[in-house]
Amino acid sequence: MIISSMVKNGAILCGFALLTTGLVATINTLTADKIAEQEQLQLTNQLQEVLPHSKYSNELSQDCVIISDPLLGPYDNQVIYRARKDNEPVALVIRHVTPSGYSGDINLLSAVYRDGTIAGVRVTKHEETPGLGDKVEVKKSDWITTFNAKTVQSESDDRWAVKKDGGQFDQFTGATITPRAVVGSVKNAVLYAQDNFDALFTVANACPEVTP
């Protein structure tokens, strides 16, 4: 009788475990799809913030190369998206990182046209001080938009510094380190784009296909 009861209870527990496992797997599958959808939407929005959709006709988020270069930051495998209009190269949208922020890494997205001018720049991630360094965010200040339409003449272009260092970019009151880091990183990204623009459009696509 005791053995029979134990077997019965064991079977119930086993069934419950299988049911729970199945539910967890189903929820994970549904959640993963939703997360992927949200990540794709966020990426599309970020790309359109720095490069107007009217400027290109390809699926920008699905046309990219993976690059490791010191000009793009200290980490390997930065993504560069390639914008084309009627199959002609138009712009590069570059992910890059500076580790020189006041509180550490600042992740950026910069779009550079074929002629070397900047279409737009956004900070995508940072840990800078609220009320000071966070003015690099477009929702906190329009400072980041001052990069629009600018270009870099050479590596020694001394305009590419904050005004405190003799350059053309404003610093923030009480927070010079953050804008200095962003200016330097954007300058390097533009230089990289200028030096490698045509070559990057000959590299095989590294972006995974996104299923609608």
C-alpha atoms as a PDB file:
ATOM      1  CA  MET A   1       0.000   0.000   0.000  1.00  0.00           C
ATOM      2  CA  ILE A   2       2.809   2.353   0.928  1.00  0.00           C
ATOM      3  CA  ILE A   3       4.736   1.401  -2.221  1.00  0.00           C
ATOM      4  CA  SER A   4       1.641   1.935  -4.366  1.00  0.00           C
ATOM      5  CA  SER A   5       1.102   5.366  -2.830  1.00  0.00           C
ATOM      6  CA  MET A   6       4.746   6.285  -3.413  1.00  0.00           C
ATOM      7  CA  VAL A   7       4.532   5.232  -7.057  1.00  0.00           C
ATOM      8  CA  LYS A   8       1.338   7.208  -7.496  1.00  0.00           C
ATOM      9  CA  ASN A   9       2.838  10.325  -5.903  1.00  0.00           C
ATOM     10  CA  GLY A  10       5.982   9.902  -7.943  1.00  0.00           C
ATOM     11  CA  ALA A  11       3.964   9.708 -11.144  1.00  0.00           C
ATOM     12  CA  ILE A  12       2.056  12.856 -10.189  1.00  0.00           C
ATOM     13  CA  LEU A  13       5.276  14.727  -9.430  1.00  0.00           C
ATOM     14  CA  CYS A  14       6.825  13.506 -12.677  1.00  0.00           C
ATOM     15  CA  GLY A  15       3.793  14.630 -14.651  1.00  0.00           C
ATOM     16  CA  PHE A  16       3.807  17.985 -12.923  1.00  0.00           C
ATOM     17  CA  ALA A  17       7.530  18.401 -13.680  1.00  0.00           C
ATOM     18  CA  LEU A  18       6.987  17.560 -17.347  1.00  0.00           C
ATOM     19  CA  LEU A  19       4.077  19.986 -17.569  1.00  0.00           C
ATOM     20  CA  THR A  20       6.093  22.755 -15.909  1.00  0.00           C
ATOM     21  CA  THR A  21       9.068  22.124 -18.205  1.00  0.00           C
ATOM     22  CA  GLY A  22       6.792  22.313 -21.231  1.00  0.00           C
ATOM     23  CA  LEU A  23       5.236  25.569 -20.046  1.00  0.00           C
ATOM     24  CA  VAL A  24       8.654  27.112 -19.350  1.00  0.00           C
ATOM     25  CA  ALA A  25       9.918  26.088 -22.793  1.00  0.00           C
ATOM     26  CA  THR A  26       6.820  27.557 -24.453  1.00  0.00           C
ATOM     27  CA  ILE A  27       7.118  30.818 -22.518  1.00  0.00           C
ATOM     28  CA  ASN A  28      10.830  31.060 -23.357  1.00  0.00           C
ATOM     29  CA  THR A  29      10.091  30.567 -27.048  1.00  0.00           C
ATOM     30  CA  LEU A  30       7.363  33.218 -27.058  1.00  0.00           C
ATOM     31  CA  THR A  31       9.513  35.615 -25.006  1.00  0.00           C
ATOM     32  CA  ALA A  32      12.570  35.097 -27.221  1.00  0.00           C
ATOM     33  CA  ASP A  33      10.553  36.006 -30.307  1.00  0.00           C
ATOM     34  CA  LYS A  34       9.227  39.134 -28.602  1.00  0.00           C
ATOM     35  CA  ILE A  35      12.686  40.163 -27.411  1.00  0.00           C
ATOM     36  CA  ALA A  36      14.139  39.676 -30.896  1.00  0.00           C
ATOM     37  CA  GLU A  37      11.309  41.754 -32.357  1.00  0.00           C
ATOM     38  CA  GLN A  38      11.906  44.562 -29.861  1.00  0.00           C
ATOM     39  CA  GLU A  39      15.678  44.496 -30.473  1.00  0.00           C
ATOM     40  CA  GLN A  40      15.106  44.754 -34.216  1.00  0.00           C
ATOM     41  CA  LEU A  41      12.715  47.676 -33.726  1.00  0.00           C
ATOM     42  CA  GLN A  42      15.205  49.433 -31.456  1.00  0.00           C
ATOM     43  CA  LEU A  43      17.982  48.931 -34.019  1.00  0.00           C
ATOM     44  CA  THR A  44      15.818  50.302 -36.838  1.00  0.00           C
ATOM     45  CA  ASN A  45      14.948  53.364 -34.750  1.00  0.00           C
ATOM     46  CA  GLN A  46      18.598  53.983 -33.863  1.00  0.00           C
ATOM     47  CA  LEU A  47      19.686  53.754 -37.487  1.00  0.00           C
ATOM     48  CA  GLN A  48      16.981  56.166 -38.608  1.00  0.00           C
ATOM     49  CA  GLU A  49      17.964  58.656 -35.905  1.00  0.00           C
ATOM     50  CA  VAL A  50      21.437  59.070 -37.380  1.00  0.00           C
ATOM     51  CA  LEU A  51      20.590  58.536 -41.054  1.00  0.00           C
ATOM     52  CA  PRO A  52      17.203  59.538 -42.534  1.00  0.00           C
ATOM     53  CA  HIS A  53      15.441  56.646 -44.249  1.00  0.00           C
ATOM     54  CA  SER A  54      14.999  58.786 -47.354  1.00  0.00           C
ATOM     55  CA  LYS A  55      18.766  58.633 -47.910  1.00  0.00           C
ATOM     56  CA  TYR A  56      18.902  54.896 -48.600  1.00  0.00           C
ATOM     57  CA  SER A  57      16.806  52.174 -50.219  1.00  0.00           C
ATOM     58  CA  ASN A  58      18.322  48.938 -48.878  1.00  0.00           C
ATOM     59  CA  GLU A  59      17.476  47.089 -45.651  1.00  0.00           C
ATOM     60  CA  LEU A  60      20.119  48.881 -43.623  1.00  0.00           C
ATOM     61  CA  SER A  61      19.888  46.659 -40.551  1.00  0.00           C
ATOM     62  CA  GLN A  62      20.593  43.616 -42.745  1.00  0.00           C
ATOM     63  CA  ASP A  63      23.623  44.973 -44.608  1.00  0.00           C
ATOM     64  CA  CYS A  64      26.728  45.140 -42.470  1.00  0.00           C
ATOM     65  CA  VAL A  65      30.331  44.174 -41.863  1.00  0.00           C
ATOM     66  CA  ILE A  66      32.075  43.283 -38.605  1.00  0.00           C
ATOM     67  CA  ILE A  67      35.274  45.216 -37.939  1.00  0.00           C
ATOM     68  CA  SER A  68      37.974  45.251 -35.270  1.00  0.00           C
ATOM     69  CA  ASP A  69      40.076  48.399 -35.363  1.00  0.00           C
ATOM     70  CA  PRO A  70      41.581  50.619 -32.622  1.00  0.00           C
ATOM     71  CA  LEU A  71      39.911  53.685 -34.156  1.00  0.00           C
ATOM     72  CA  LEU A  72      36.542  52.156 -33.271  1.00  0.00           C
ATOM     73  CA  GLY A  73      37.490  51.408 -29.682  1.00  0.00           C
ATOM     74  CA  PRO A  74      39.295  48.782 -27.621  1.00  0.00           C
ATOM     75  CA  TYR A  75      36.837  45.959 -28.310  1.00  0.00           C
ATOM     76  CA  ASP A  76      36.686  43.570 -31.244  1.00  0.00           C
ATOM     77  CA  ASN A  77      33.795  43.042 -33.635  1.00  0.00           C
ATOM     78  CA  GLN A  78      32.182  46.444 -34.019  1.00  0.00           C
ATOM     79  CA  VAL A  79      29.302  46.527 -36.505  1.00  0.00           C
ATOM     80  CA  ILE A  80      29.247  48.881 -39.490  1.00  0.00           C
ATOM     81  CA  TYR A  81      25.987  49.167 -41.445  1.00  0.00           C
ATOM     82  CA  ARG A  82      26.144  50.036 -45.157  1.00  0.00           C
ATOM     83  CA  ALA A  83      23.576  52.374 -46.661  1.00  0.00           C
ATOM     84  CA  ARG A  84      22.887  52.159 -50.400  1.00  0.00           C
ATOM     85  CA  LYS A  85      20.597  54.092 -52.707  1.00  0.00           C
ATOM     86  CA  ASP A  86      19.706  52.165 -55.853  1.00  0.00           C
ATOM     87  CA  ASN A  87      22.720  49.932 -55.143  1.00  0.00           C
ATOM     88  CA  GLU A  88      25.110  52.885 -54.945  1.00  0.00           C
ATOM     89  CA  PRO A  89      27.077  53.375 -51.687  1.00  0.00           C
ATOM     90  CA  VAL A  90      25.668  56.315 -49.714  1.00  0.00           C
ATOM     91  CA  ALA A  91      26.836  56.161 -46.112  1.00  0.00           C
ATOM     92  CA  LEU A  92      28.287  54.056 -43.332  1.00  0.00           C
ATOM     93  CA  VAL A  93      26.669  53.807 -39.904  1.00  0.00           C
ATOM     94  CA  ILE A  94      29.365  52.844 -37.438  1.00  0.00           C
ATOM     95  CA  ARG A  95      29.126  51.418 -33.949  1.00  0.00           C
ATOM     96  CA  HIS A  96      32.106  52.507 -31.858  1.00  0.00           C
ATOM     97  CA  VAL A  97      33.102  52.765 -28.214  1.00  0.00           C
ATOM     98  CA  THR A  98      35.248  55.078 -26.153  1.00  0.00           C
ATOM     99  CA  PRO A  99      36.476  53.811 -22.778  1.00  0.00           C
ATOM    100  CA  SER A 100      37.420  57.375 -21.778  1.00  0.00           C
ATOM    101  CA  GLY A 101      34.119  58.503 -20.308  1.00  0.00           C
ATOM    102  CA  TYR A 102      34.042  59.780 -16.743  1.00  0.00           C
ATOM    103  CA  SER A 103      32.297  56.580 -15.618  1.00  0.00           C
ATOM    104  CA  GLY A 104      33.638  54.170 -18.244  1.00  0.00           C
ATOM    105  CA  ASP A 105      32.562  53.081 -21.699  1.00  0.00           C
ATOM    106  CA  ILE A 106      30.399  55.254 -23.926  1.00  0.00           C
ATOM    107  CA  ASN A 107      28.830  53.444 -26.884  1.00  0.00           C
ATOM    108  CA  LEU A 108      28.089  55.482 -29.993  1.00  0.00           C
ATOM    109  CA  LEU A 109      26.490  55.223 -33.405  1.00  0.00           C
ATOM    110  CA  SER A 110      27.802  57.580 -36.101  1.00  0.00           C
ATOM    111  CA  ALA A 111      26.626  57.903 -39.707  1.00  0.00           C
ATOM    112  CA  VAL A 112      29.113  59.197 -42.270  1.00  0.00           C
ATOM    113  CA  TYR A 113      28.289  60.067 -45.877  1.00  0.00           C
ATOM    114  CA  ARG A 114      30.490  59.096 -48.801  1.00  0.00           C
ATOM    115  CA  ASP A 115      32.010  62.595 -48.932  1.00  0.00           C
ATOM    116  CA  GLY A 116      33.139  62.262 -45.309  1.00  0.00           C
ATOM    117  CA  THR A 117      30.527  64.498 -43.702  1.00  0.00           C
ATOM    118  CA  ILE A 118      28.534  63.371 -40.696  1.00  0.00           C
ATOM    119  CA  ALA A 119      24.830  62.616 -41.082  1.00  0.00           C
ATOM    120  CA  GLY A 120      24.221  62.109 -37.377  1.00  0.00           C
ATOM    121  CA  VAL A 121      25.593  60.798 -34.079  1.00  0.00           C
ATOM    122  CA  ARG A 122      23.888  59.222 -31.079  1.00  0.00           C
ATOM    123  CA  VAL A 123      25.080  57.796 -27.780  1.00  0.00           C
ATOM    124  CA  THR A 124      23.461  54.377 -27.403  1.00  0.00           C
ATOM    125  CA  LYS A 125      24.780  53.406 -23.963  1.00  0.00           C
ATOM    126  CA  HIS A 126      26.672  55.097 -21.138  1.00  0.00           C
ATOM    127  CA  GLU A 127      27.057  55.306 -17.365  1.00  0.00           C
ATOM    128  CA  GLU A 128      27.831  59.016 -17.111  1.00  0.00           C
ATOM    129  CA  THR A 129      26.719  61.178 -14.191  1.00  0.00           C
ATOM    130  CA  PRO A 130      23.044  62.204 -14.317  1.00  0.00           C
ATOM    131  CA  GLY A 131      22.658  65.955 -14.750  1.00  0.00           C
ATOM    132  CA  LEU A 132      26.226  66.349 -15.999  1.00  0.00           C
ATOM    133  CA  GLY A 133      27.675  63.809 -18.402  1.00  0.00           C
ATOM    134  CA  ASP A 134      24.287  62.499 -19.481  1.00  0.00           C
ATOM    135  CA  LYS A 135      23.860  65.623 -21.614  1.00  0.00           C
ATOM    136  CA  VAL A 136      25.340  63.513 -24.414  1.00  0.00           C
ATOM    137  CA  GLU A 137      21.852  61.982 -24.690  1.00  0.00           C
ATOM    138  CA  VAL A 138      19.661  63.693 -27.266  1.00  0.00           C
ATOM    139  CA  LYS A 139      16.697  63.593 -24.885  1.00  0.00           C
ATOM    140  CA  LYS A 140      18.686  65.624 -22.335  1.00  0.00           C
ATOM    141  CA  SER A 141      20.385  68.124 -24.655  1.00  0.00           C
ATOM    142  CA  ASP A 142      20.858  68.916 -28.348  1.00  0.00           C
ATOM    143  CA  TRP A 143      24.660  68.851 -27.919  1.00  0.00           C
ATOM    144  CA  ILE A 144      25.043  65.568 -29.810  1.00  0.00           C
ATOM    145  CA  THR A 145      23.415  67.140 -32.892  1.00  0.00           C
ATOM    146  CA  THR A 146      26.275  69.637 -33.221  1.00  0.00           C
ATOM    147  CA  PHE A 147      28.215  66.918 -35.057  1.00  0.00           C
ATOM    148  CA  ASN A 148      25.747  67.030 -37.970  1.00  0.00           C
ATOM    149  CA  ALA A 149      27.265  68.134 -41.295  1.00  0.00           C
ATOM    150  CA  LYS A 150      30.780  68.349 -39.867  1.00  0.00           C
ATOM    151  CA  THR A 151      33.789  66.526 -41.258  1.00  0.00           C
ATOM    152  CA  VAL A 152      37.381  65.776 -40.292  1.00  0.00           C
ATOM    153  CA  GLN A 153      40.079  67.246 -42.498  1.00  0.00           C
ATOM    154  CA  SER A 154      42.921  65.114 -41.137  1.00  0.00           C
ATOM    155  CA  GLU A 155      44.137  63.311 -38.047  1.00  0.00           C
ATOM    156  CA  SER A 156      45.679  66.614 -36.895  1.00  0.00           C
ATOM    157  CA  ASP A 157      42.447  68.593 -37.356  1.00  0.00           C
ATOM    158  CA  ASP A 158      42.589  70.628 -34.128  1.00  0.00           C
ATOM    159  CA  ARG A 159      38.964  71.756 -34.475  1.00  0.00           C
ATOM    160  CA  TRP A 160      38.035  68.305 -33.173  1.00  0.00           C
ATOM    161  CA  ALA A 161      38.306  69.089 -29.490  1.00  0.00           C
ATOM    162  CA  VAL A 162      36.214  70.780 -26.823  1.00  0.00           C
ATOM    163  CA  LYS A 163      36.597  74.556 -26.563  1.00  0.00           C
ATOM    164  CA  LYS A 164      38.562  74.198 -23.328  1.00  0.00           C
ATOM    165  CA  ASP A 165      41.202  72.391 -25.421  1.00  0.00           C
ATOM    166  CA  GLY A 166      41.053  74.892 -28.285  1.00  0.00           C
ATOM    167  CA  GLY A 167      38.456  73.095 -30.393  1.00  0.00           C
ATOM    168  CA  GLN A 168      34.972  73.882 -31.685  1.00  0.00           C
ATOM    169  CA  PHE A 169      32.772  71.750 -29.415  1.00  0.00           C
ATOM    170  CA  ASP A 170      31.150  72.969 -26.220  1.00  0.00           C
ATOM    171  CA  GLN A 171      31.965  71.229 -22.977  1.00  0.00           C
ATOM    172  CA  PHE A 172      29.465  70.763 -20.181  1.00  0.00           C
ATOM    173  CA  THR A 173      29.683  72.812 -17.002  1.00  0.00           C
ATOM    174  CA  GLY A 174      31.367  70.552 -14.472  1.00  0.00           C
ATOM    175  CA  ALA A 175      31.791  67.702 -16.940  1.00  0.00           C
ATOM    176  CA  THR A 176      34.499  68.144 -19.562  1.00  0.00           C
ATOM    177  CA  ILE A 177      35.682  64.528 -19.604  1.00  0.00           C
ATOM    178  CA  THR A 178      32.497  63.138 -21.161  1.00  0.00           C
ATOM    179  CA  PRO A 179      32.228  65.463 -24.199  1.00  0.00           C
ATOM    180  CA  ARG A 180      35.986  65.223 -24.715  1.00  0.00           C
ATOM    181  CA  ALA A 181      35.706  61.434 -24.930  1.00  0.00           C
ATOM    182  CA  VAL A 182      32.759  61.580 -27.341  1.00  0.00           C
ATOM    183  CA  VAL A 183      34.433  64.135 -29.622  1.00  0.00           C
ATOM    184  CA  GLY A 184      37.571  62.019 -29.834  1.00  0.00           C
ATOM    185  CA  SER A 185      35.653  58.838 -30.575  1.00  0.00           C
ATOM    186  CA  VAL A 186      33.489  60.421 -33.278  1.00  0.00           C
ATOM    187  CA  LYS A 187      36.580  61.939 -34.899  1.00  0.00           C
ATOM    188  CA  ASN A 188      38.207  58.501 -35.038  1.00  0.00           C
ATOM    189  CA  ALA A 189      35.081  56.900 -36.491  1.00  0.00           C
ATOM    190  CA  VAL A 190      34.909  59.538 -39.226  1.00  0.00           C
ATOM    191  CA  LEU A 191      38.583  59.048 -40.057  1.00  0.00           C
ATOM    192  CA  TYR A 192      38.000  55.308 -40.290  1.00  0.00           C
ATOM    193  CA  ALA A 193      35.030  55.829 -42.608  1.00  0.00           C
ATOM    194  CA  GLN A 194      36.955  58.221 -44.838  1.00  0.00           C
ATOM    195  CA  ASP A 195      39.915  55.838 -45.170  1.00  0.00           C
ATOM    196  CA  ASN A 196      37.894  52.673 -45.740  1.00  0.00           C
ATOM    197  CA  PHE A 197      34.585  53.749 -47.296  1.00  0.00           C
ATOM    198  CA  ASP A 198      34.805  52.075 -50.704  1.00  0.00           C
ATOM    199  CA  ALA A 199      36.595  48.980 -49.416  1.00  0.00           C
ATOM    200  CA  LEU A 200      33.902  48.283 -46.833  1.00  0.00           C
ATOM    201  CA  PHE A 201      31.268  48.024 -49.557  1.00  0.00           C
ATOM    202  CA  THR A 202      33.196  45.171 -51.207  1.00  0.00           C
ATOM    203  CA  VAL A 203      33.188  42.942 -48.111  1.00  0.00           C
ATOM    204  CA  ALA A 204      30.669  40.095 -47.849  1.00  0.00           C
ATOM    205  CA  ASN A 205      27.571  40.797 -45.777  1.00  0.00           C
ATOM    206  CA  ALA A 206      27.934  39.717 -42.143  1.00  0.00           C
ATOM    207  CA  CYS A 207      24.412  40.568 -40.952  1.00  0.00           C
ATOM    208  CA  PRO A 208      21.996  37.698 -40.320  1.00  0.00           C
ATOM    209  CA  GLU A 209      18.829  37.670 -42.362  1.00  0.00           C
ATOM    210  CA  VAL A 210      15.851  38.869 -40.346  1.00  0.00           C
ATOM    211  CA  THR A 211      12.666  36.879 -40.947  1.00  0.00           C
ATOM    212  CA  PRO A 212       9.611  39.163 -41.184  1.00  0.00           C
END
